């Protein structure tokens, strides 16, 4: 697989070199960091053609150090869009840290049963549908992905613009699995709380959906 050039996909800043926990309160016991990425570099871990950005390496070692520094007991890793459906680095990281990490994968619908079983065994607990950034899986076949998740005992995670939710809400309400809306629905605050997309997001939460803030989504590691 050929990688998109740096010029075609702008560089993305890396994480801070050091992290620390909150200054005003003590992190509760068993706290979970609910969304982060591990990122490898080509050629071992190729980047997707058509991706939206070019990130630096983000290693499992650095992520675990961040968990320790911030007082997080557990973590949930989400398959990053630049690696597309190549979940190898995610699986390697989960397998090496079974007691601490779980993961959200990105797979094609025709992913073989054996591969899906291997993902679940590694610690994958859900699938991501990404309609915002290149390298992701789109929303067109969400019902089929929901059926697959039900079969596997997984949930769905959506990376979308909340302003699109009014048109999608009826479909989401019929899904047979739990789901969460990632990154607060990428909702621009300039739209205000009276925007129909924001009100739909709130109504979905009232009906039992999760909305991931910056780490404010509880998940149980078991």
Protein backbone atom coordinates (compact mmCIF):
# COMPACT_ATOMS: atom_id res chain seq x y z
CA UNK A 1 0.00 0.00 0.00
CA UNK A 2 1.41 3.37 -0.96
CA UNK A 3 1.24 6.19 1.55
CA UNK A 4 -0.16 9.61 0.74
CA UNK A 5 2.64 12.16 0.71
CA UNK A 6 3.19 14.63 3.52
CA UNK A 7 2.28 17.47 1.14
CA UNK A 8 -1.11 15.90 0.36
CA UNK A 9 -1.96 15.23 4.01
CA UNK A 10 -0.89 18.02 6.42
CA UNK A 11 1.16 17.17 9.47
CA UNK A 12 -0.59 16.76 12.80
CA UNK A 13 1.08 17.90 16.06
CA UNK A 14 2.11 15.17 18.46
CA UNK A 15 1.11 14.85 22.13
CA UNK A 16 2.79 16.76 24.92
CA UNK A 17 6.05 15.18 26.04
CA UNK A 18 4.90 15.02 29.67
CA UNK A 19 1.50 14.62 31.32
CA UNK A 20 0.11 15.03 34.81
CA UNK A 21 -3.13 14.40 36.64
CA UNK A 22 -5.77 17.01 37.55
CA UNK A 23 -4.67 19.64 40.04
CA UNK A 24 -8.04 20.21 41.73
CA UNK A 25 -9.17 16.68 42.53
CA UNK A 26 -7.85 13.19 42.98
CA UNK A 27 -8.47 10.81 40.11
CA UNK A 28 -11.00 8.21 41.28
CA UNK A 29 -9.91 4.63 41.71
CA UNK A 30 -10.44 2.63 38.54
CA UNK A 31 -10.61 5.70 36.27
CA UNK A 32 -10.68 4.98 32.53
CA UNK A 33 -9.19 7.05 29.75
CA UNK A 34 -11.78 6.37 27.09
CA UNK A 35 -10.27 7.49 23.81
CA UNK A 36 -6.73 7.51 22.49
CA UNK A 37 -4.75 6.22 19.52
CA UNK A 38 -1.57 4.27 19.02
CA UNK A 39 0.07 5.15 15.72
CA UNK A 40 2.85 3.36 13.88
CA UNK A 41 4.99 4.58 11.02
CA UNK A 42 5.48 3.31 7.47
CA UNK A 43 6.65 1.02 6.08
CA UNK A 44 5.74 -1.40 8.90
CA UNK A 45 2.41 0.32 9.55
CA UNK A 46 1.39 2.02 6.29
CA UNK A 47 -0.71 5.17 6.23
CA UNK A 48 -3.95 5.22 4.26
CA UNK A 49 -4.10 6.95 0.89
CA UNK A 50 -6.62 9.78 1.07
CA UNK A 51 -6.15 10.32 4.80
CA UNK A 52 -6.89 13.76 6.27
CA UNK A 53 -3.61 14.30 8.14
CA UNK A 54 -0.14 12.87 8.74
CA UNK A 55 0.55 12.12 12.41
CA UNK A 56 3.80 11.45 14.25
CA UNK A 57 4.36 8.10 15.92
CA UNK A 58 2.34 7.47 19.10
CA UNK A 59 3.67 4.40 20.88
CA UNK A 60 2.05 2.05 23.34
CA UNK A 61 4.86 2.82 25.80
CA UNK A 62 4.06 6.54 25.69
CA UNK A 63 0.36 5.89 26.13
CA UNK A 64 0.88 3.67 29.17
CA UNK A 65 3.20 6.31 30.65
CA UNK A 66 0.43 8.88 30.17
CA UNK A 67 -2.06 6.64 31.98
CA UNK A 68 0.34 6.28 34.90
CA UNK A 69 1.13 10.00 35.04
CA UNK A 70 -2.52 11.05 35.04
CA UNK A 71 -3.72 8.39 37.48
CA UNK A 72 -5.74 6.38 34.99
CA UNK A 73 -6.16 2.70 35.80
CA UNK A 74 -7.41 1.64 32.36
CA UNK A 75 -7.60 2.83 28.79
CA UNK A 76 -9.64 2.38 25.63
CA UNK A 77 -7.78 2.65 22.33
CA UNK A 78 -9.64 3.60 19.16
CA UNK A 79 -8.35 2.53 15.75
CA UNK A 80 -6.96 5.68 14.14
CA UNK A 81 -8.22 6.70 10.70
CA UNK A 82 -4.74 6.94 9.15
CA UNK A 83 -4.31 3.17 9.52
CA UNK A 84 -7.72 2.40 8.01
CA UNK A 85 -8.77 -1.22 8.59
CA UNK A 86 -5.23 -2.35 9.40
CA UNK A 87 -5.75 -3.04 13.10
CA UNK A 88 -2.39 -4.76 13.67
CA UNK A 89 -0.84 -2.17 15.96
CA UNK A 90 -4.06 -1.86 17.95
CA UNK A 91 -4.23 -5.64 18.41
CA UNK A 92 -0.55 -5.89 19.33
CA UNK A 93 -1.01 -3.22 22.00
CA UNK A 94 -4.18 -4.75 23.42
CA UNK A 95 -2.69 -8.24 23.50
CA UNK A 96 0.35 -7.01 25.42
CA UNK A 97 -1.86 -5.22 27.99
CA UNK A 98 -4.92 -7.45 28.42
CA UNK A 99 -5.54 -6.44 32.02
CA UNK A 100 -5.48 -2.73 31.32
CA UNK A 101 -6.65 -1.92 27.79
CA UNK A 102 -9.66 -2.45 25.54
CA UNK A 103 -10.09 -1.35 21.95
CA UNK A 104 -12.40 -0.08 19.22
CA UNK A 105 -11.60 -1.52 15.77
CA UNK A 106 -12.38 -0.54 12.18
CA UNK A 107 -13.16 -3.45 9.87
CA UNK A 108 -14.81 -4.11 6.50
CA UNK A 109 -18.16 -5.88 6.57
CA UNK A 110 -16.65 -8.91 4.88
CA UNK A 111 -14.04 -9.31 7.62
CA UNK A 112 -13.60 -13.09 8.08
CA UNK A 113 -15.12 -14.68 11.17
CA UNK A 114 -11.71 -15.92 12.27
CA UNK A 115 -10.31 -12.38 12.18
CA UNK A 116 -13.29 -11.00 14.12
CA UNK A 117 -12.80 -13.68 16.76
CA UNK A 118 -9.12 -12.73 17.03
CA UNK A 119 -10.08 -9.08 17.53
CA UNK A 120 -12.49 -9.97 20.30
CA UNK A 121 -9.92 -12.22 21.95
CA UNK A 122 -7.41 -9.37 21.90
CA UNK A 123 -9.81 -7.07 23.73
CA UNK A 124 -11.84 -5.31 21.05
CA UNK A 125 -15.26 -4.29 22.40
CA UNK A 126 -16.69 -2.16 19.58
CA UNK A 127 -16.46 -0.86 16.02
CA UNK A 128 -15.96 2.67 14.80
CA UNK A 129 -17.82 4.34 11.94
CA UNK A 130 -16.11 7.51 10.79
CA UNK A 131 -17.79 9.93 8.38
CA UNK A 132 -15.53 12.93 9.02
CA UNK A 133 -11.97 11.92 8.14
CA UNK A 134 -10.34 10.04 5.31
CA UNK A 135 -9.45 6.42 6.06
CA UNK A 136 -12.62 5.64 7.99
CA UNK A 137 -15.69 3.50 7.40
CA UNK A 138 -18.79 5.43 6.29
CA UNK A 139 -22.37 5.44 7.58
CA UNK A 140 -24.06 3.87 4.54
CA UNK A 141 -24.15 0.35 5.98
CA UNK A 142 -24.63 1.16 9.64
CA UNK A 143 -27.45 -1.38 10.05
CA UNK A 144 -25.21 -4.19 8.80
CA UNK A 145 -22.45 -3.10 11.16
CA UNK A 146 -24.95 -3.00 14.02
CA UNK A 147 -26.00 -6.59 13.25
CA UNK A 148 -22.37 -7.65 13.23
CA UNK A 149 -21.81 -5.91 16.57
CA UNK A 150 -24.82 -7.65 18.06
CA UNK A 151 -23.42 -10.98 16.97
CA UNK A 152 -20.05 -10.18 18.54
CA UNK A 153 -21.35 -8.54 21.73
CA UNK A 154 -19.88 -5.17 20.71
CA UNK A 155 -21.12 -1.57 20.53
CA UNK A 156 -20.85 1.06 17.79
CA UNK A 157 -18.91 4.31 17.95
CA UNK A 158 -19.68 7.19 15.57
CA UNK A 159 -17.37 9.97 14.51
CA UNK A 160 -19.76 12.42 12.87
CA UNK A 161 -20.99 16.01 12.80
CA UNK A 162 -23.90 16.36 15.21
CA UNK A 163 -25.60 18.72 12.77
CA UNK A 164 -26.29 15.62 10.66
CA UNK A 165 -28.07 13.84 13.51
CA UNK A 166 -31.64 15.03 12.81
CA UNK A 167 -31.57 13.12 9.53
CA UNK A 168 -29.98 10.06 11.16
CA UNK A 169 -31.80 9.86 14.49
CA UNK A 170 -34.57 7.51 13.37
CA UNK A 171 -32.03 5.02 12.04
CA UNK A 172 -29.93 5.25 15.19
CA UNK A 173 -32.92 4.69 17.45
CA UNK A 174 -33.58 1.35 15.76
CA UNK A 175 -30.08 -0.06 16.14
CA UNK A 176 -29.98 -3.29 18.17
CA UNK A 177 -26.76 -2.38 20.02
CA UNK A 178 -25.52 0.39 22.32
CA UNK A 179 -23.77 3.29 20.57
CA UNK A 180 -21.83 6.40 21.42
CA UNK A 181 -21.23 9.68 19.62
CA UNK A 182 -17.55 10.54 19.62
CA UNK A 183 -15.82 13.88 20.24
CA UNK A 184 -19.05 15.52 21.46
CA UNK A 185 -20.42 15.23 17.94
CA UNK A 186 -17.80 17.68 16.63
CA UNK A 187 -20.42 20.31 17.31
CA UNK A 188 -19.33 23.95 16.83
CA UNK A 189 -20.28 25.99 19.88
CA UNK A 190 -21.06 28.92 17.61
CA UNK A 191 -24.24 27.10 16.55
CA UNK A 192 -25.69 27.38 20.06
CA UNK A 193 -27.89 25.02 22.07
CA UNK A 194 -30.96 25.74 19.95
CA UNK A 195 -29.42 24.07 16.91
CA UNK A 196 -31.47 21.02 15.90
CA UNK A 197 -28.35 18.88 15.76
CA UNK A 198 -27.45 19.70 19.35
CA UNK A 199 -31.01 19.10 20.55
CA UNK A 200 -31.04 15.75 18.77
CA UNK A 201 -27.75 14.84 20.42
CA UNK A 202 -29.23 15.64 23.84
CA UNK A 203 -32.36 13.61 23.07
CA UNK A 204 -30.24 10.60 22.10
CA UNK A 205 -28.41 10.83 25.42
CA UNK A 206 -31.75 10.87 27.25
CA UNK A 207 -32.66 7.72 25.34
CA UNK A 208 -29.52 5.94 26.51
CA UNK A 209 -26.81 6.85 24.00
CA UNK A 210 -23.33 7.76 25.18
CA UNK A 211 -21.58 10.96 24.19
CA UNK A 212 -17.85 10.92 24.65
CA UNK A 213 -16.52 14.14 26.08
CA UNK A 214 -12.80 14.40 26.77
CA UNK A 215 -12.57 11.15 28.64
CA UNK A 216 -16.03 11.30 30.21
CA UNK A 217 -17.39 7.96 29.06
CA UNK A 218 -17.31 5.16 31.60
CA UNK A 219 -16.44 1.69 30.44
CA UNK A 220 -15.93 -1.41 32.54
CA UNK A 221 -12.83 -3.51 31.92
CA UNK A 222 -13.71 -7.17 32.36
